N, C-alpha and C. Protein backbone atom coordinates (compact mmCIF):
# COMPACT_ATOMS: atom_id res chain seq x y z
N MET A 1 180.11 73.14 -1.37
CA MET A 1 179.91 72.80 -2.75
C MET A 1 178.17 71.91 -2.05
N LEU A 2 177.24 71.62 -2.61
CA LEU A 2 175.82 71.46 -2.08
C LEU A 2 175.67 70.76 -3.81
N MET A 3 174.48 70.10 -3.61
CA MET A 3 173.92 69.46 -4.95
C MET A 3 172.24 68.86 -4.25
N ALA A 4 172.06 68.37 -5.58
CA ALA A 4 170.63 67.90 -5.31
C ALA A 4 169.97 67.04 -6.05
N TRP A 5 169.71 65.07 -5.16
CA TRP A 5 169.71 64.82 -6.22
C TRP A 5 168.28 64.39 -6.07
N LEU A 6 167.94 63.47 -6.79
CA LEU A 6 166.68 62.88 -6.71
C LEU A 6 167.14 60.96 -6.85
N VAL A 7 165.97 60.67 -5.85
CA VAL A 7 166.88 58.95 -5.17
C VAL A 7 165.66 58.07 -5.44
N PRO A 8 165.64 56.96 -6.40
CA PRO A 8 165.12 56.16 -6.36
C PRO A 8 163.88 55.61 -5.07
N ALA A 9 163.40 55.04 -4.46
CA ALA A 9 162.32 54.45 -3.45
C ALA A 9 162.71 52.91 -3.17
N ALA A 10 162.95 52.87 -1.88
CA ALA A 10 163.26 51.31 -1.90
C ALA A 10 162.05 50.36 -2.93
N GLY A 11 162.73 49.39 -2.79
CA GLY A 11 162.10 48.71 -3.74
C GLY A 11 163.28 47.72 -4.48
N PRO A 12 162.52 46.92 -6.18
CA PRO A 12 163.59 45.91 -6.67
C PRO A 12 164.29 47.57 -7.55
N THR A 13 163.93 48.35 -7.96
CA THR A 13 164.56 48.91 -9.03
C THR A 13 165.93 49.77 -8.70
N ARG A 14 165.57 50.50 -7.46
CA ARG A 14 166.57 50.35 -6.51
C ARG A 14 167.79 49.43 -6.19
N ASP A 15 167.40 48.48 -5.87
CA ASP A 15 168.29 47.14 -5.51
C ASP A 15 168.67 46.77 -6.35
N HIS A 16 168.32 46.96 -8.03
CA HIS A 16 169.38 46.60 -9.45
C HIS A 16 170.44 47.55 -9.22
N LEU A 17 170.19 48.41 -9.44
CA LEU A 17 170.92 49.82 -9.38
C LEU A 17 171.68 49.20 -8.35
N ALA A 18 171.52 49.46 -7.34
CA ALA A 18 172.29 49.62 -6.27
C ALA A 18 173.20 48.37 -6.24
N ALA A 19 173.04 46.85 -6.32
CA ALA A 19 173.54 45.97 -7.23
C ALA A 19 174.91 46.29 -8.20
N THR A 20 173.83 46.83 -9.92
CA THR A 20 175.47 47.47 -10.82
C THR A 20 175.84 47.95 -10.48
N ILE A 21 175.95 49.33 -9.58
CA ILE A 21 176.93 49.84 -9.33
C ILE A 21 178.03 49.14 -8.60
N ASN A 22 177.64 48.14 -7.34
CA ASN A 22 179.00 48.12 -6.60
C ASN A 22 179.17 46.86 -7.62
N MET A 23 178.71 45.73 -8.58
CA MET A 23 179.52 45.53 -9.28
C MET A 23 180.60 46.17 -10.36
N LEU A 24 179.92 47.52 -10.74
CA LEU A 24 181.28 48.02 -11.82
C LEU A 24 182.39 48.81 -10.94
N ALA A 25 181.60 48.98 -9.61
CA ALA A 25 182.70 49.45 -8.59
C ALA A 25 183.86 48.85 -8.25
N ALA A 26 183.65 47.61 -8.10
CA ALA A 26 184.34 46.46 -7.32
C ALA A 26 185.38 45.65 -9.33
N GLU A 27 185.20 45.85 -10.37
CA GLU A 27 185.30 45.40 -11.45
C GLU A 27 186.26 46.48 -11.44
N HIS A 28 185.79 47.78 -11.32
CA HIS A 28 186.67 48.88 -11.61
C HIS A 28 187.85 49.39 -10.61
N ASP A 29 187.91 49.21 -10.04
CA ASP A 29 188.32 49.20 -8.22
C ASP A 29 187.72 50.60 -8.13
N ALA A 30 186.33 50.77 -8.50
CA ALA A 30 185.89 52.73 -8.10
C ALA A 30 184.87 52.77 -7.44
N PRO A 31 184.98 54.31 -6.40
CA PRO A 31 183.59 54.18 -5.41
C PRO A 31 182.28 53.70 -5.64
N ARG A 32 182.05 53.33 -4.42
CA ARG A 32 180.13 52.78 -4.34
C ARG A 32 179.39 54.38 -4.12
N PHE A 33 178.68 54.32 -4.29
CA PHE A 33 178.02 54.92 -3.88
C PHE A 33 176.04 54.63 -4.44
N GLU A 34 175.33 55.45 -3.79
CA GLU A 34 173.91 55.78 -3.83
C GLU A 34 173.44 55.61 -5.23
N PRO A 35 172.66 54.84 -5.31
CA PRO A 35 172.02 55.38 -6.97
C PRO A 35 170.70 56.81 -6.76
N HIS A 36 171.23 57.44 -7.54
CA HIS A 36 170.49 58.59 -7.67
C HIS A 36 170.70 59.85 -9.02
N VAL A 37 170.37 60.54 -9.36
CA VAL A 37 170.37 61.22 -10.45
C VAL A 37 170.53 63.13 -9.74
N THR A 38 171.75 63.61 -9.99
CA THR A 38 172.18 64.66 -9.86
C THR A 38 170.97 65.53 -10.45
N MET A 39 170.51 66.87 -9.80
CA MET A 39 169.54 67.49 -11.01
C MET A 39 169.89 69.15 -10.59
N ALA A 40 170.85 69.13 -9.61
CA ALA A 40 171.38 70.75 -9.33
C ALA A 40 172.90 70.45 -9.04
N GLY A 41 173.81 70.80 -9.70
CA GLY A 41 175.20 70.17 -9.20
C GLY A 41 175.59 71.21 -8.63
N LEU A 42 175.49 72.63 -9.09
CA LEU A 42 176.74 73.56 -7.80
C LEU A 42 175.06 74.97 -7.87
N PHE A 43 175.35 74.96 -6.51
CA PHE A 43 174.65 76.51 -6.20
C PHE A 43 175.49 78.13 -5.86
N HIS A 44 175.56 78.61 -6.62
CA HIS A 44 176.27 79.78 -6.52
C HIS A 44 175.97 80.96 -5.62
N SER A 45 175.12 80.21 -4.50
CA SER A 45 175.18 81.41 -3.60
C SER A 45 175.36 80.09 -2.01
N GLY A 46 175.55 81.78 -1.52
CA GLY A 46 175.65 81.32 0.11
C GLY A 46 174.77 79.57 0.62
N LYS A 47 175.07 78.98 1.46
CA LYS A 47 174.50 77.76 1.76
C LYS A 47 173.35 77.63 2.22
N GLN A 48 172.87 78.60 3.00
CA GLN A 48 172.29 78.96 3.94
C GLN A 48 171.17 78.86 2.97
N ALA A 49 171.16 80.03 2.09
CA ALA A 49 169.69 80.16 0.75
C ALA A 49 169.96 79.29 0.17
N ALA A 50 170.56 78.05 -0.48
CA ALA A 50 170.91 77.00 -0.87
C ALA A 50 169.54 75.94 -0.37
N VAL A 51 170.11 75.86 1.16
CA VAL A 51 169.21 74.77 1.95
C VAL A 51 167.69 75.14 2.07
N GLN A 52 167.76 76.82 2.44
CA GLN A 52 166.44 77.15 2.02
C GLN A 52 165.29 76.93 1.03
N THR A 53 166.26 77.11 -0.08
CA THR A 53 165.38 77.17 -1.17
C THR A 53 165.22 75.25 -1.43
N LEU A 54 165.98 74.88 -1.44
CA LEU A 54 165.63 73.23 -1.89
C LEU A 54 164.60 73.27 -0.68
N SER A 55 165.01 73.91 0.70
CA SER A 55 163.93 73.01 1.92
C SER A 55 162.50 73.03 1.48
N SER A 56 162.43 74.57 0.99
CA SER A 56 161.11 74.77 0.60
C SER A 56 160.42 74.66 -0.53
N LEU A 57 161.32 73.79 -1.71
CA LEU A 57 161.13 73.06 -2.79
C LEU A 57 160.38 71.42 -2.16
N ALA A 58 161.13 70.71 -1.68
CA ALA A 58 161.20 69.94 -1.34
C ALA A 58 159.54 70.07 -0.29
N ALA A 59 159.39 70.19 0.09
CA ALA A 59 158.47 70.14 1.16
C ALA A 59 157.15 70.44 0.30
N GLY A 60 157.16 70.82 -1.21
CA GLY A 60 155.64 71.36 -1.01
C GLY A 60 155.32 70.01 -2.03
N THR A 61 157.00 69.03 -2.40
CA THR A 61 157.07 68.11 -3.39
C THR A 61 156.37 66.70 -3.32
N ARG A 62 155.88 66.51 -3.81
CA ARG A 62 155.04 65.25 -3.38
C ARG A 62 156.37 63.95 -4.42
N PRO A 63 155.71 62.66 -3.68
CA PRO A 63 156.41 61.21 -5.21
C PRO A 63 156.52 61.62 -6.26
N PHE A 64 157.65 61.19 -6.82
CA PHE A 64 156.83 61.38 -8.42
C PHE A 64 157.59 59.90 -9.30
N GLU A 65 157.11 60.10 -10.15
CA GLU A 65 158.07 58.83 -10.69
C GLU A 65 158.44 59.88 -12.03
N VAL A 66 159.96 58.58 -11.99
CA VAL A 66 160.56 59.30 -13.52
C VAL A 66 160.59 57.89 -14.56
N THR A 67 160.79 58.39 -15.90
CA THR A 67 160.86 57.20 -16.17
C THR A 67 162.06 57.74 -17.96
N PHE A 68 163.26 56.91 -17.37
CA PHE A 68 164.39 56.99 -18.44
C PHE A 68 164.04 56.39 -19.97
N ASP A 69 164.55 56.54 -21.15
CA ASP A 69 164.29 55.62 -21.98
C ASP A 69 165.79 54.49 -22.10
N ALA A 70 166.61 54.88 -21.58
CA ALA A 70 168.07 54.20 -20.92
C ALA A 70 168.81 54.39 -19.93
N GLY A 71 169.98 53.60 -18.94
CA GLY A 71 170.85 53.92 -19.00
C GLY A 71 171.88 54.21 -19.14
N GLY A 72 172.94 54.43 -19.27
CA GLY A 72 174.84 53.94 -18.87
C GLY A 72 175.21 54.29 -17.79
N TYR A 73 176.95 53.92 -18.31
CA TYR A 73 177.61 53.82 -17.46
C TYR A 73 179.20 54.22 -18.07
């Protein structure tokens, strides 16, 4: 299974999200994970084709800003 994620840049926002995830994980006895947004859940092609496509897309994409109206869990 392959997935594509957007991961926030290092800094206060990422630190805040990580702290919130860790707090909720401890509170609910749940796994901890890095802050991210899943962009593509599953690729229905071979691993090599998916890796090649994602590598090609990522190579031509500069960092960009994403703004959300709200977050939830």
